[in-house]
Amino acid sequence: MNFLLKVLITALIAYLLQKILPGVRIVDIKTAALFAFVLAILNAIVKPILVILTIPVTILTMGLFLLVINAFMVLLTANLFKGVHVDGFWWALIFSILLSIGSSVLYSLVGGRSE
């Protein structure tokens, strides 16, 4: 149930962010929900592999390289959908930062219980 709630919150935040950010376009809320679901799956499978492979760079940058990995995950997910378009790396970086902050805040307000 928590997974579904997180995906729906992420979809809502992604859809709202595309209204604000001119470099990100999502066709409709259904596409945003699919985008959020695939992003969650890729974050669970691909992201840990990337984090392990880039440990030296992450240490050198004191963890800031993780933002680059997040932006890459957004770009990778956006490339899987025709209804989602991100204009470039910098828009993906801004989008991923705002998506993380917005999702965390909204999830903590709506019902994020720690188990």
N, C-alpha and C. Protein backbone atom coordinates (compact mmCIF):
# COMPACT_ATOMS: atom_id res chain seq x y z
N MET A 1 0.82 -1.19 0.00
CA MET A 1 0.00 0.00 0.00
C MET A 1 0.86 1.25 0.00
N ASN A 2 1.96 1.23 0.78
CA ASN A 2 2.85 2.39 0.80
C ASN A 2 3.48 2.63 -0.56
N PHE A 3 3.82 1.55 -1.27
CA PHE A 3 4.42 1.69 -2.59
C PHE A 3 3.46 2.40 -3.54
N LEU A 4 2.22 1.99 -3.54
CA LEU A 4 1.22 2.60 -4.41
C LEU A 4 1.01 4.07 -4.06
N LEU A 5 0.97 4.37 -2.77
CA LEU A 5 0.83 5.77 -2.34
C LEU A 5 2.01 6.61 -2.79
N LYS A 6 3.21 6.07 -2.66
CA LYS A 6 4.41 6.80 -3.10
C LYS A 6 4.39 7.03 -4.60
N VAL A 7 3.97 6.04 -5.37
CA VAL A 7 3.90 6.19 -6.83
C VAL A 7 2.87 7.25 -7.21
N LEU A 8 1.72 7.23 -6.57
CA LEU A 8 0.68 8.23 -6.88
C LEU A 8 1.12 9.64 -6.51
N ILE A 9 1.79 9.78 -5.38
CA ILE A 9 2.30 11.09 -4.98
C ILE A 9 3.37 11.56 -5.95
N THR A 10 4.26 10.67 -6.33
CA THR A 10 5.30 11.02 -7.31
C THR A 10 4.68 11.43 -8.64
N ALA A 11 3.63 10.72 -9.06
CA ALA A 11 2.95 11.07 -10.31
C ALA A 11 2.32 12.45 -10.22
N LEU A 12 1.68 12.74 -9.10
CA LEU A 12 1.05 14.05 -8.92
C LEU A 12 2.09 15.17 -8.93
N ILE A 13 3.18 14.98 -8.20
CA ILE A 13 4.23 15.99 -8.15
C ILE A 13 4.87 16.16 -9.54
N ALA A 14 5.11 15.06 -10.24
CA ALA A 14 5.70 15.14 -11.59
C ALA A 14 4.78 15.91 -12.53
N TYR A 15 3.48 15.63 -12.43
CA TYR A 15 2.54 16.33 -13.31
C TYR A 15 2.48 17.82 -12.98
N LEU A 16 2.53 18.16 -11.70
CA LEU A 16 2.53 19.57 -11.31
C LEU A 16 3.84 20.27 -11.71
N LEU A 17 4.95 19.57 -11.58
CA LEU A 17 6.24 20.16 -11.95
C LEU A 17 6.33 20.45 -13.44
N GLN A 18 5.73 19.61 -14.25
CA GLN A 18 5.81 19.85 -15.70
C GLN A 18 5.04 21.11 -16.08
N LYS A 19 4.09 21.52 -15.23
CA LYS A 19 3.39 22.79 -15.47
C LYS A 19 4.29 23.98 -15.17
N ILE A 20 5.25 23.80 -14.27
CA ILE A 20 6.14 24.88 -13.84
C ILE A 20 7.41 24.94 -14.68
N LEU A 21 8.00 23.79 -14.94
CA LEU A 21 9.28 23.73 -15.64
C LEU A 21 9.07 23.67 -17.15
N PRO A 22 9.59 24.64 -17.90
CA PRO A 22 9.38 24.63 -19.35
C PRO A 22 10.15 23.53 -20.08
N GLY A 23 11.16 22.94 -19.46
CA GLY A 23 11.96 21.92 -20.12
C GLY A 23 11.45 20.51 -19.92
N VAL A 24 10.34 20.36 -19.20
CA VAL A 24 9.76 19.04 -18.93
C VAL A 24 8.31 19.05 -19.38
N ARG A 25 7.94 18.03 -20.17
CA ARG A 25 6.55 17.94 -20.64
C ARG A 25 6.03 16.51 -20.42
N ILE A 26 4.86 16.43 -19.79
CA ILE A 26 4.17 15.16 -19.60
C ILE A 26 2.76 15.37 -20.13
N VAL A 27 2.32 14.48 -21.00
CA VAL A 27 1.06 14.66 -21.72
C VAL A 27 -0.14 14.73 -20.79
N ASP A 28 -0.30 13.74 -19.92
CA ASP A 28 -1.46 13.72 -19.03
C ASP A 28 -1.11 13.02 -17.73
N ILE A 29 -2.07 12.99 -16.82
CA ILE A 29 -1.82 12.41 -15.49
C ILE A 29 -1.63 10.90 -15.58
N LYS A 30 -2.26 10.25 -16.55
CA LYS A 30 -2.07 8.81 -16.73
C LYS A 30 -0.63 8.51 -17.12
N THR A 31 -0.09 9.29 -18.02
CA THR A 31 1.30 9.13 -18.41
C THR A 31 2.22 9.43 -17.24
N ALA A 32 1.86 10.42 -16.43
CA ALA A 32 2.66 10.73 -15.24
C ALA A 32 2.65 9.56 -14.26
N ALA A 33 1.52 8.89 -14.12
CA ALA A 33 1.44 7.73 -13.23
C ALA A 33 2.30 6.58 -13.75
N LEU A 34 2.26 6.33 -15.04
CA LEU A 34 3.12 5.29 -15.62
C LEU A 34 4.59 5.67 -15.49
N PHE A 35 4.89 6.94 -15.71
CA PHE A 35 6.26 7.45 -15.54
C PHE A 35 6.75 7.21 -14.11
N ALA A 36 5.91 7.54 -13.14
CA ALA A 36 6.28 7.37 -11.73
C ALA A 36 6.48 5.90 -11.38
N PHE A 37 5.62 5.04 -11.91
CA PHE A 37 5.74 3.61 -11.65
C PHE A 37 7.03 3.05 -12.23
N VAL A 38 7.33 3.37 -13.47
CA VAL A 38 8.56 2.87 -14.11
C VAL A 38 9.79 3.47 -13.43
N LEU A 39 9.71 4.75 -13.05
CA LEU A 39 10.82 5.37 -12.33
C LEU A 39 11.09 4.65 -11.01
N ALA A 40 10.04 4.28 -10.31
CA ALA A 40 10.21 3.55 -9.05
C ALA A 40 10.84 2.18 -9.29
N ILE A 41 10.42 1.49 -10.34
CA ILE A 41 11.00 0.17 -10.66
C ILE A 41 12.47 0.31 -11.04
N LEU A 42 12.78 1.30 -11.88
CA LEU A 42 14.18 1.50 -12.28
C LEU A 42 15.04 1.94 -11.10
N ASN A 43 14.47 2.75 -10.20
CA ASN A 43 15.21 3.16 -9.01
C ASN A 43 15.49 1.97 -8.10
N ALA A 44 14.63 0.97 -8.13
CA ALA A 44 14.85 -0.20 -7.30
C ALA A 44 15.83 -1.19 -7.93
N ILE A 45 15.93 -1.21 -9.25
CA ILE A 45 16.76 -2.21 -9.93
C ILE A 45 18.07 -1.61 -10.46
N VAL A 46 17.98 -0.55 -11.24
CA VAL A 46 19.15 -0.01 -11.93
C VAL A 46 19.97 0.93 -11.04
N LYS A 47 19.30 1.75 -10.26
CA LYS A 47 20.01 2.76 -9.47
C LYS A 47 21.02 2.16 -8.49
N PRO A 48 20.70 1.08 -7.75
CA PRO A 48 21.72 0.52 -6.85
C PRO A 48 22.98 0.05 -7.59
N ILE A 49 22.81 -0.46 -8.79
CA ILE A 49 23.96 -0.89 -9.58
C ILE A 49 24.82 0.32 -9.95
N LEU A 50 24.17 1.41 -10.38
CA LEU A 50 24.91 2.62 -10.72
C LEU A 50 25.61 3.22 -9.51
N VAL A 51 24.95 3.18 -8.38
CA VAL A 51 25.56 3.72 -7.15
C VAL A 51 26.81 2.94 -6.78
N ILE A 52 26.74 1.63 -6.88
CA ILE A 52 27.90 0.79 -6.55
C ILE A 52 29.04 1.04 -7.54
N LEU A 53 28.70 1.15 -8.82
CA LEU A 53 29.74 1.35 -9.84
C LEU A 53 30.41 2.72 -9.74
N THR A 54 29.73 3.69 -9.16
CA THR A 54 30.27 5.04 -9.11
C THR A 54 30.67 5.47 -7.70
N ILE A 55 30.94 4.52 -6.83
CA ILE A 55 31.34 4.86 -5.46
C ILE A 55 32.56 5.79 -5.41
N PRO A 56 33.61 5.55 -6.19
CA PRO A 56 34.76 6.46 -6.10
C PRO A 56 34.42 7.91 -6.47
N VAL A 57 33.63 8.09 -7.52
CA VAL A 57 33.24 9.44 -7.93
C VAL A 57 32.33 10.06 -6.88
N THR A 58 31.45 9.27 -6.32
CA THR A 58 30.53 9.76 -5.29
C THR A 58 31.31 10.21 -4.06
N ILE A 59 32.33 9.47 -3.69
CA ILE A 59 33.15 9.86 -2.54
C ILE A 59 33.91 11.14 -2.85
N LEU A 60 34.48 11.23 -4.04
CA LEU A 60 35.23 12.44 -4.42
C LEU A 60 34.35 13.69 -4.43
N THR A 61 33.12 13.54 -4.82
CA THR A 61 32.21 14.69 -4.89
C THR A 61 31.38 14.85 -3.62
N MET A 62 31.71 14.09 -2.59
CA MET A 62 31.01 14.13 -1.31
C MET A 62 29.51 13.89 -1.46
N GLY A 63 29.17 12.97 -2.34
CA GLY A 63 27.78 12.55 -2.50
C GLY A 63 27.00 13.30 -3.56
N LEU A 64 27.55 14.38 -4.09
CA LEU A 64 26.81 15.17 -5.08
C LEU A 64 26.61 14.43 -6.40
N PHE A 65 27.44 13.43 -6.66
CA PHE A 65 27.26 12.67 -7.90
C PHE A 65 25.96 11.89 -7.89
N LEU A 66 25.39 11.64 -6.73
CA LEU A 66 24.10 10.97 -6.66
C LEU A 66 23.01 11.79 -7.34
N LEU A 67 23.16 13.11 -7.36
CA LEU A 67 22.21 13.96 -8.09
C LEU A 67 22.30 13.69 -9.59
N VAL A 68 23.50 13.44 -10.07
CA VAL A 68 23.69 13.11 -11.48
C VAL A 68 23.03 11.77 -11.79
N ILE A 69 23.16 10.82 -10.89
CA ILE A 69 22.52 9.52 -11.09
C ILE A 69 21.00 9.68 -11.11
N ASN A 70 20.45 10.51 -10.22
CA ASN A 70 19.01 10.76 -10.23
C ASN A 70 18.56 11.39 -11.54
N ALA A 71 19.33 12.35 -12.04
CA ALA A 71 18.99 12.98 -13.32
C ALA A 71 19.04 11.96 -14.45
N PHE A 72 20.04 11.08 -14.42
CA PHE A 72 20.14 10.04 -15.42
C PHE A 72 18.94 9.10 -15.37
N MET A 73 18.48 8.78 -14.18
CA MET A 73 17.31 7.91 -14.02
C MET A 73 16.06 8.57 -14.60
N VAL A 74 15.93 9.88 -14.41
CA VAL A 74 14.79 10.59 -14.99
C VAL A 74 14.88 10.58 -16.51
N LEU A 75 16.06 10.84 -17.05
CA LEU A 75 16.24 10.81 -18.51
C LEU A 75 15.97 9.42 -19.07
N LEU A 76 16.46 8.40 -18.40
CA LEU A 76 16.24 7.02 -18.85
C LEU A 76 14.75 6.69 -18.87
N THR A 77 14.05 7.07 -17.82
CA THR A 77 12.62 6.79 -17.74
C THR A 77 11.86 7.60 -18.79
N ALA A 78 12.24 8.84 -18.99
CA ALA A 78 11.56 9.69 -19.98
C ALA A 78 11.74 9.15 -21.39
N ASN A 79 12.87 8.53 -21.66
CA ASN A 79 13.11 7.98 -22.99
C ASN A 79 12.25 6.75 -23.28
N LEU A 80 11.65 6.17 -22.27
CA LEU A 80 10.80 4.99 -22.46
C LEU A 80 9.37 5.36 -22.84
N PHE A 81 9.00 6.63 -22.72
CA PHE A 81 7.63 7.07 -22.98
C PHE A 81 7.60 8.13 -24.06
N LYS A 82 6.60 8.03 -24.95
CA LYS A 82 6.42 9.07 -25.96
C LYS A 82 5.78 10.31 -25.37
N GLY A 83 5.02 10.16 -24.29
CA GLY A 83 4.30 11.28 -23.69
C GLY A 83 5.10 12.07 -22.68
N VAL A 84 6.35 11.67 -22.45
CA VAL A 84 7.21 12.37 -21.49
C VAL A 84 8.44 12.86 -22.24
N HIS A 85 8.73 14.15 -22.09
CA HIS A 85 9.91 14.71 -22.76
C HIS A 85 10.66 15.62 -21.80
N VAL A 86 11.96 15.37 -21.67
CA VAL A 86 12.84 16.22 -20.87
C VAL A 86 13.88 16.79 -21.83
N ASP A 87 14.03 18.11 -21.83
CA ASP A 87 14.86 18.78 -22.83
C ASP A 87 16.36 18.52 -22.71
N GLY A 88 16.83 18.13 -21.57
CA GLY A 88 18.26 17.87 -21.44
C GLY A 88 18.63 17.51 -20.01
N PHE A 89 19.94 17.37 -19.82
CA PHE A 89 20.43 16.96 -18.51
C PHE A 89 20.08 17.95 -17.41
N TRP A 90 20.24 19.23 -17.69
CA TRP A 90 20.01 20.23 -16.63
C TRP A 90 18.54 20.26 -16.22
N TRP A 91 17.64 20.12 -17.18
CA TRP A 91 16.22 20.06 -16.82
C TRP A 91 15.92 18.79 -16.05
N ALA A 92 16.57 17.70 -16.40
CA ALA A 92 16.38 16.45 -15.66
C ALA A 92 16.91 16.59 -14.23
N LEU A 93 18.03 17.29 -14.08
CA LEU A 93 18.60 17.50 -12.76
C LEU A 93 17.67 18.34 -11.89
N ILE A 94 17.19 19.45 -12.43
CA ILE A 94 16.27 20.31 -11.68
C ILE A 94 14.98 19.56 -11.37
N PHE A 95 14.45 18.84 -12.36
CA PHE A 95 13.22 18.08 -12.18
C PHE A 95 13.40 17.02 -11.10
N SER A 96 14.53 16.30 -11.12
CA SER A 96 14.74 15.23 -10.14
C SER A 96 14.89 15.78 -8.73
N ILE A 97 15.54 16.91 -8.59
CA ILE A 97 15.69 17.52 -7.26
C ILE A 97 14.33 17.96 -6.73
N LEU A 98 13.58 18.68 -7.56
CA LEU A 98 12.26 19.15 -7.12
C LEU A 98 11.29 18.00 -6.91
N LEU A 99 11.39 16.96 -7.73
CA LEU A 99 10.54 15.78 -7.57
C LEU A 99 10.83 15.08 -6.25
N SER A 100 12.09 14.95 -5.91
CA SER A 100 12.46 14.32 -4.64
C SER A 100 11.95 15.12 -3.45
N ILE A 101 12.18 16.42 -3.48
CA ILE A 101 11.74 17.28 -2.37
C ILE A 101 10.22 17.28 -2.26
N GLY A 102 9.55 17.51 -3.38
CA GLY A 102 8.09 17.56 -3.36
C GLY A 102 7.45 16.26 -2.94
N SER A 103 7.96 15.15 -3.43
CA SER A 103 7.41 13.85 -3.07
C SER A 103 7.63 13.56 -1.58
N SER A 104 8.81 13.89 -1.08
CA SER A 104 9.09 13.64 0.34
C SER A 104 8.18 14.46 1.23
N VAL A 105 8.02 15.73 0.91
CA VAL A 105 7.17 16.60 1.73
C VAL A 105 5.72 16.14 1.69
N LEU A 106 5.21 15.90 0.49
CA LEU A 106 3.80 15.50 0.37
C LEU A 106 3.55 14.13 1.00
N TYR A 107 4.49 13.20 0.84
CA TYR A 107 4.31 11.88 1.44
C TYR A 107 4.31 11.96 2.96
N SER A 108 5.16 12.82 3.51
CA SER A 108 5.18 12.96 4.97
C SER A 108 3.90 13.62 5.48
N LEU A 109 3.29 14.49 4.68
CA LEU A 109 2.05 15.13 5.08
C LEU A 109 0.85 14.21 4.94
N VAL A 110 0.84 13.41 3.88
CA VAL A 110 -0.34 12.58 3.58
C VAL A 110 -0.43 11.35 4.47
N GLY A 111 0.65 10.68 4.67
CA GLY A 111 0.52 9.47 5.49
C GLY A 111 1.76 8.65 5.55
N GLY A 112 2.89 9.28 5.51
CA GLY A 112 4.13 8.53 5.57
C GLY A 112 4.44 8.09 6.98
N ARG A 113 4.06 6.86 7.30
CA ARG A 113 4.38 6.30 8.61
C ARG A 113 5.66 5.50 8.45
N SER A 114 6.56 5.66 9.39
CA SER A 114 7.75 4.83 9.37
C SER A 114 7.46 3.53 10.10
N GLU A 115 7.82 2.44 9.45
CA GLU A 115 7.52 1.12 10.02
C GLU A 115 8.77 0.45 10.48
